[in-house]
């Protein structure tokens, strides 16, 4: 477990320190940043608990990459409580479930980013998605 934690910290340092300066750079990838993003995605898909959540939401590696870019564009490319928010949001079961459950509606991207920052900074609970109405008899 400690090795995985160290791996995520290393990946986060890379992603959080060398950010692309333009949208074109972000989409094309550049050297260490692109390698770090691939490493983050590898990390996520290799963890059984995250793979299970991905399966629950029919999410793929490409889905995670898209969600990561949305998080960056929404302001989650920042550090909070020792976490690079956009990366950690994908790397922990509770936060991955949160972002995937809001993918098809739910909270706005900005509201998700704010909730994630508060979660990593202060340990605030993540908002629960609204429950579907129960069928009436």
C-alpha atoms as a PDB file:
ATOM      1  CA  UNK A   1       0.000   0.000   0.000  1.00  0.00           C
ATOM      2  CA  UNK A   2       2.832   2.379   0.868  1.00  0.00           C
ATOM      3  CA  UNK A   3       4.408   1.815  -2.563  1.00  0.00           C
ATOM      4  CA  UNK A   4       1.120   2.770  -4.262  1.00  0.00           C
ATOM      5  CA  UNK A   5       0.882   5.907  -2.142  1.00  0.00           C
ATOM      6  CA  UNK A   6       4.436   6.879  -3.065  1.00  0.00           C
ATOM      7  CA  UNK A   7       3.664   6.196  -6.721  1.00  0.00           C
ATOM      8  CA  UNK A   8       0.597   8.457  -6.646  1.00  0.00           C
ATOM      9  CA  UNK A   9       2.595  11.216  -4.928  1.00  0.00           C
ATOM     10  CA  UNK A  10       5.291  10.999  -7.603  1.00  0.00           C
ATOM     11  CA  UNK A  11       2.718  11.139 -10.394  1.00  0.00           C
ATOM     12  CA  UNK A  12       0.920  14.039  -8.733  1.00  0.00           C
ATOM     13  CA  UNK A  13       4.163  16.009  -8.347  1.00  0.00           C
ATOM     14  CA  UNK A  14       4.796  15.631 -12.077  1.00  0.00           C
ATOM     15  CA  UNK A  15       1.261  16.589 -13.065  1.00  0.00           C
ATOM     16  CA  UNK A  16       1.098  19.443 -10.585  1.00  0.00           C
ATOM     17  CA  UNK A  17       4.463  20.944 -11.395  1.00  0.00           C
ATOM     18  CA  UNK A  18       4.656  20.970 -15.179  1.00  0.00           C
ATOM     19  CA  UNK A  19       1.291  22.039 -16.461  1.00  0.00           C
ATOM     20  CA  UNK A  20       0.777  22.836 -20.130  1.00  0.00           C
ATOM     21  CA  UNK A  21       0.363  26.515 -20.874  1.00  0.00           C
ATOM     22  CA  UNK A  22      -2.345  26.245 -23.511  1.00  0.00           C
ATOM     23  CA  UNK A  23      -5.267  24.038 -24.458  1.00  0.00           C
ATOM     24  CA  UNK A  24      -3.306  22.817 -27.494  1.00  0.00           C
ATOM     25  CA  UNK A  25      -0.425  21.771 -25.224  1.00  0.00           C
ATOM     26  CA  UNK A  26      -2.862  20.026 -22.898  1.00  0.00           C
ATOM     27  CA  UNK A  27      -4.418  18.027 -25.710  1.00  0.00           C
ATOM     28  CA  UNK A  28      -1.183  17.147 -27.463  1.00  0.00           C
ATOM     29  CA  UNK A  29       0.781  16.290 -24.334  1.00  0.00           C
ATOM     30  CA  UNK A  30       4.349  17.258 -23.763  1.00  0.00           C
ATOM     31  CA  UNK A  31       7.138  15.069 -22.509  1.00  0.00           C
ATOM     32  CA  UNK A  32       7.036  14.526 -18.752  1.00  0.00           C
ATOM     33  CA  UNK A  33       3.454  15.759 -18.453  1.00  0.00           C
ATOM     34  CA  UNK A  34       2.176  13.258 -21.026  1.00  0.00           C
ATOM     35  CA  UNK A  35       4.149  10.443 -19.357  1.00  0.00           C
ATOM     36  CA  UNK A  36       2.761  11.426 -15.957  1.00  0.00           C
ATOM     37  CA  UNK A  37      -0.803  11.451 -17.283  1.00  0.00           C
ATOM     38  CA  UNK A  38      -0.287   7.979 -18.773  1.00  0.00           C
ATOM     39  CA  UNK A  39       1.137   6.853 -15.415  1.00  0.00           C
ATOM     40  CA  UNK A  40      -1.927   8.215 -13.593  1.00  0.00           C
ATOM     41  CA  UNK A  41      -4.273   6.369 -15.937  1.00  0.00           C
ATOM     42  CA  UNK A  42      -2.200   3.178 -15.589  1.00  0.00           C
ATOM     43  CA  UNK A  43      -2.346   3.573 -11.805  1.00  0.00           C
ATOM     44  CA  UNK A  44      -6.121   3.947 -11.824  1.00  0.00           C
ATOM     45  CA  UNK A  45      -6.952   1.061 -14.152  1.00  0.00           C
ATOM     46  CA  UNK A  46      -4.567  -1.280 -12.311  1.00  0.00           C
ATOM     47  CA  UNK A  47      -6.276  -0.889  -8.931  1.00  0.00           C
ATOM     48  CA  UNK A  48      -9.074  -3.461  -8.578  1.00  0.00           C
ATOM     49  CA  UNK A  49     -11.272  -1.215  -6.427  1.00  0.00           C
ATOM     50  CA  UNK A  50     -11.077   1.577  -9.014  1.00  0.00           C
ATOM     51  CA  UNK A  51     -11.581  -0.828 -11.919  1.00  0.00           C
ATOM     52  CA  UNK A  52     -14.752  -2.075 -10.208  1.00  0.00           C
ATOM     53  CA  UNK A  53     -16.107   1.483  -9.929  1.00  0.00           C
ATOM     54  CA  UNK A  54     -15.176   2.152 -13.549  1.00  0.00           C
ATOM     55  CA  UNK A  55     -17.132  -0.947 -14.524  1.00  0.00           C
ATOM     56  CA  UNK A  56     -20.131   0.192 -12.478  1.00  0.00           C
ATOM     57  CA  UNK A  57     -20.227   3.391 -14.560  1.00  0.00           C
ATOM     58  CA  UNK A  58     -19.150   1.862 -17.895  1.00  0.00           C
ATOM     59  CA  UNK A  59     -16.065   4.081 -17.747  1.00  0.00           C
ATOM     60  CA  UNK A  60     -12.900   3.370 -19.710  1.00  0.00           C
ATOM     61  CA  UNK A  61      -9.369   4.683 -19.591  1.00  0.00           C
ATOM     62  CA  UNK A  62     -10.447   7.250 -22.192  1.00  0.00           C
ATOM     63  CA  UNK A  63     -13.315   8.269 -19.904  1.00  0.00           C
ATOM     64  CA  UNK A  64     -10.862   8.893 -17.061  1.00  0.00           C
ATOM     65  CA  UNK A  65      -8.648  10.970 -19.327  1.00  0.00           C
ATOM     66  CA  UNK A  66     -11.629  13.068 -20.413  1.00  0.00           C
ATOM     67  CA  UNK A  67     -12.759  13.526 -16.797  1.00  0.00           C
ATOM     68  CA  UNK A  68      -9.205  14.541 -15.825  1.00  0.00           C
ATOM     69  CA  UNK A  69      -9.159  17.240 -18.510  1.00  0.00           C
ATOM     70  CA  UNK A  70     -12.607  18.475 -17.455  1.00  0.00           C
ATOM     71  CA  UNK A  71     -11.402  18.684 -13.859  1.00  0.00           C
ATOM     72  CA  UNK A  72      -8.369  20.713 -14.950  1.00  0.00           C
ATOM     73  CA  UNK A  73     -10.527  23.042 -17.036  1.00  0.00           C
ATOM     74  CA  UNK A  74     -12.886  23.478 -14.066  1.00  0.00           C
ATOM     75  CA  UNK A  75     -10.095  24.589 -11.740  1.00  0.00           C
ATOM     76  CA  UNK A  76      -9.117  21.326 -10.062  1.00  0.00           C
ATOM     77  CA  UNK A  77      -5.525  21.649 -11.287  1.00  0.00           C
ATOM     78  CA  UNK A  78      -4.493  22.820  -7.829  1.00  0.00           C
ATOM     79  CA  UNK A  79      -3.077  21.443  -4.608  1.00  0.00           C
ATOM     80  CA  UNK A  80      -5.335  20.935  -1.578  1.00  0.00           C
ATOM     81  CA  UNK A  81      -4.380  19.104   1.584  1.00  0.00           C
ATOM     82  CA  UNK A  82      -1.302  17.609  -0.059  1.00  0.00           C
ATOM     83  CA  UNK A  83      -3.269  16.300  -3.048  1.00  0.00           C
ATOM     84  CA  UNK A  84      -3.143  17.439  -6.644  1.00  0.00           C
ATOM     85  CA  UNK A  85      -6.929  17.510  -6.862  1.00  0.00           C
ATOM     86  CA  UNK A  86      -7.446  16.507 -10.505  1.00  0.00           C
ATOM     87  CA  UNK A  87      -5.218  13.435 -10.084  1.00  0.00           C
ATOM     88  CA  UNK A  88      -6.404  12.381  -6.636  1.00  0.00           C
ATOM     89  CA  UNK A  89     -10.038  12.703  -7.734  1.00  0.00           C
ATOM     90  CA  UNK A  90      -9.447   9.728 -10.047  1.00  0.00           C
ATOM     91  CA  UNK A  91      -7.161   7.763  -7.728  1.00  0.00           C
ATOM     92  CA  UNK A  92      -9.418   7.162  -4.710  1.00  0.00           C
ATOM     93  CA  UNK A  93     -12.630   5.124  -4.715  1.00  0.00           C
ATOM     94  CA  UNK A  94     -14.909   7.698  -3.069  1.00  0.00           C
ATOM     95  CA  UNK A  95     -13.805  10.575  -5.268  1.00  0.00           C
ATOM     96  CA  UNK A  96     -13.796   8.496  -8.457  1.00  0.00           C
ATOM     97  CA  UNK A  97     -17.353   7.383  -7.712  1.00  0.00           C
ATOM     98  CA  UNK A  98     -18.273  11.030  -7.079  1.00  0.00           C
ATOM     99  CA  UNK A  99     -16.942  12.358 -10.393  1.00  0.00           C
ATOM    100  CA  UNK A 100     -18.290   9.451 -12.438  1.00  0.00           C
ATOM    101  CA  UNK A 101     -21.733   9.687 -10.833  1.00  0.00           C
ATOM    102  CA  UNK A 102     -21.897  13.357 -11.860  1.00  0.00           C
ATOM    103  CA  UNK A 103     -20.728  12.712 -15.420  1.00  0.00           C
ATOM    104  CA  UNK A 104     -24.211  12.499 -16.928  1.00  0.00           C
ATOM    105  CA  UNK A 105     -25.688  15.472 -15.114  1.00  0.00           C
ATOM    106  CA  UNK A 106     -25.780  16.112 -11.421  1.00  0.00           C
ATOM    107  CA  UNK A 107     -23.466  18.803 -10.120  1.00  0.00           C
ATOM    108  CA  UNK A 108     -21.843  21.302 -12.461  1.00  0.00           C
ATOM    109  CA  UNK A 109     -18.127  20.909 -13.140  1.00  0.00           C
ATOM    110  CA  UNK A 110     -17.416  23.956 -11.012  1.00  0.00           C
ATOM    111  CA  UNK A 111     -19.459  22.586  -8.092  1.00  0.00           C
ATOM    112  CA  UNK A 112     -17.646  19.258  -8.398  1.00  0.00           C
ATOM    113  CA  UNK A 113     -14.277  21.001  -8.331  1.00  0.00           C
ATOM    114  CA  UNK A 114     -15.233  23.004  -5.254  1.00  0.00           C
ATOM    115  CA  UNK A 115     -16.490  19.868  -3.463  1.00  0.00           C
ATOM    116  CA  UNK A 116     -13.281  17.994  -4.309  1.00  0.00           C
ATOM    117  CA  UNK A 117     -11.043  20.808  -3.086  1.00  0.00           C
ATOM    118  CA  UNK A 118     -13.017  21.012   0.170  1.00  0.00           C
ATOM    119  CA  UNK A 119     -12.839  17.227   0.504  1.00  0.00           C
ATOM    120  CA  UNK A 120      -9.066  17.062   0.128  1.00  0.00           C
ATOM    121  CA  UNK A 121      -8.350  20.281   2.027  1.00  0.00           C
ATOM    122  CA  UNK A 122     -10.683  19.862   4.993  1.00  0.00           C
ATOM    123  CA  UNK A 123     -12.032  16.331   4.790  1.00  0.00           C
ATOM    124  CA  UNK A 124     -15.492  17.628   3.896  1.00  0.00           C
ATOM    125  CA  UNK A 125     -17.916  14.901   2.819  1.00  0.00           C
ATOM    126  CA  UNK A 126     -18.683  14.748  -0.872  1.00  0.00           C
ATOM    127  CA  UNK A 127     -22.265  15.591  -1.857  1.00  0.00           C
ATOM    128  CA  UNK A 128     -24.375  12.539  -2.587  1.00  0.00           C
ATOM    129  CA  UNK A 129     -26.089  12.356  -5.965  1.00  0.00           C
ATOM    130  CA  UNK A 130     -29.868  12.771  -5.754  1.00  0.00           C
ATOM    131  CA  UNK A 131     -31.696   9.491  -5.371  1.00  0.00           C
ATOM    132  CA  UNK A 132     -33.997   8.390  -8.128  1.00  0.00           C
ATOM    133  CA  UNK A 133     -37.647   8.560  -7.118  1.00  0.00           C
ATOM    134  CA  UNK A 134     -38.982   5.215  -6.016  1.00  0.00           C
ATOM    135  CA  UNK A 135     -41.702   3.732  -8.201  1.00  0.00           C
ATOM    136  CA  UNK A 136     -45.186   3.975  -6.750  1.00  0.00           C
ATOM    137  CA  UNK A 137     -47.365   0.929  -6.548  1.00  0.00           C
END
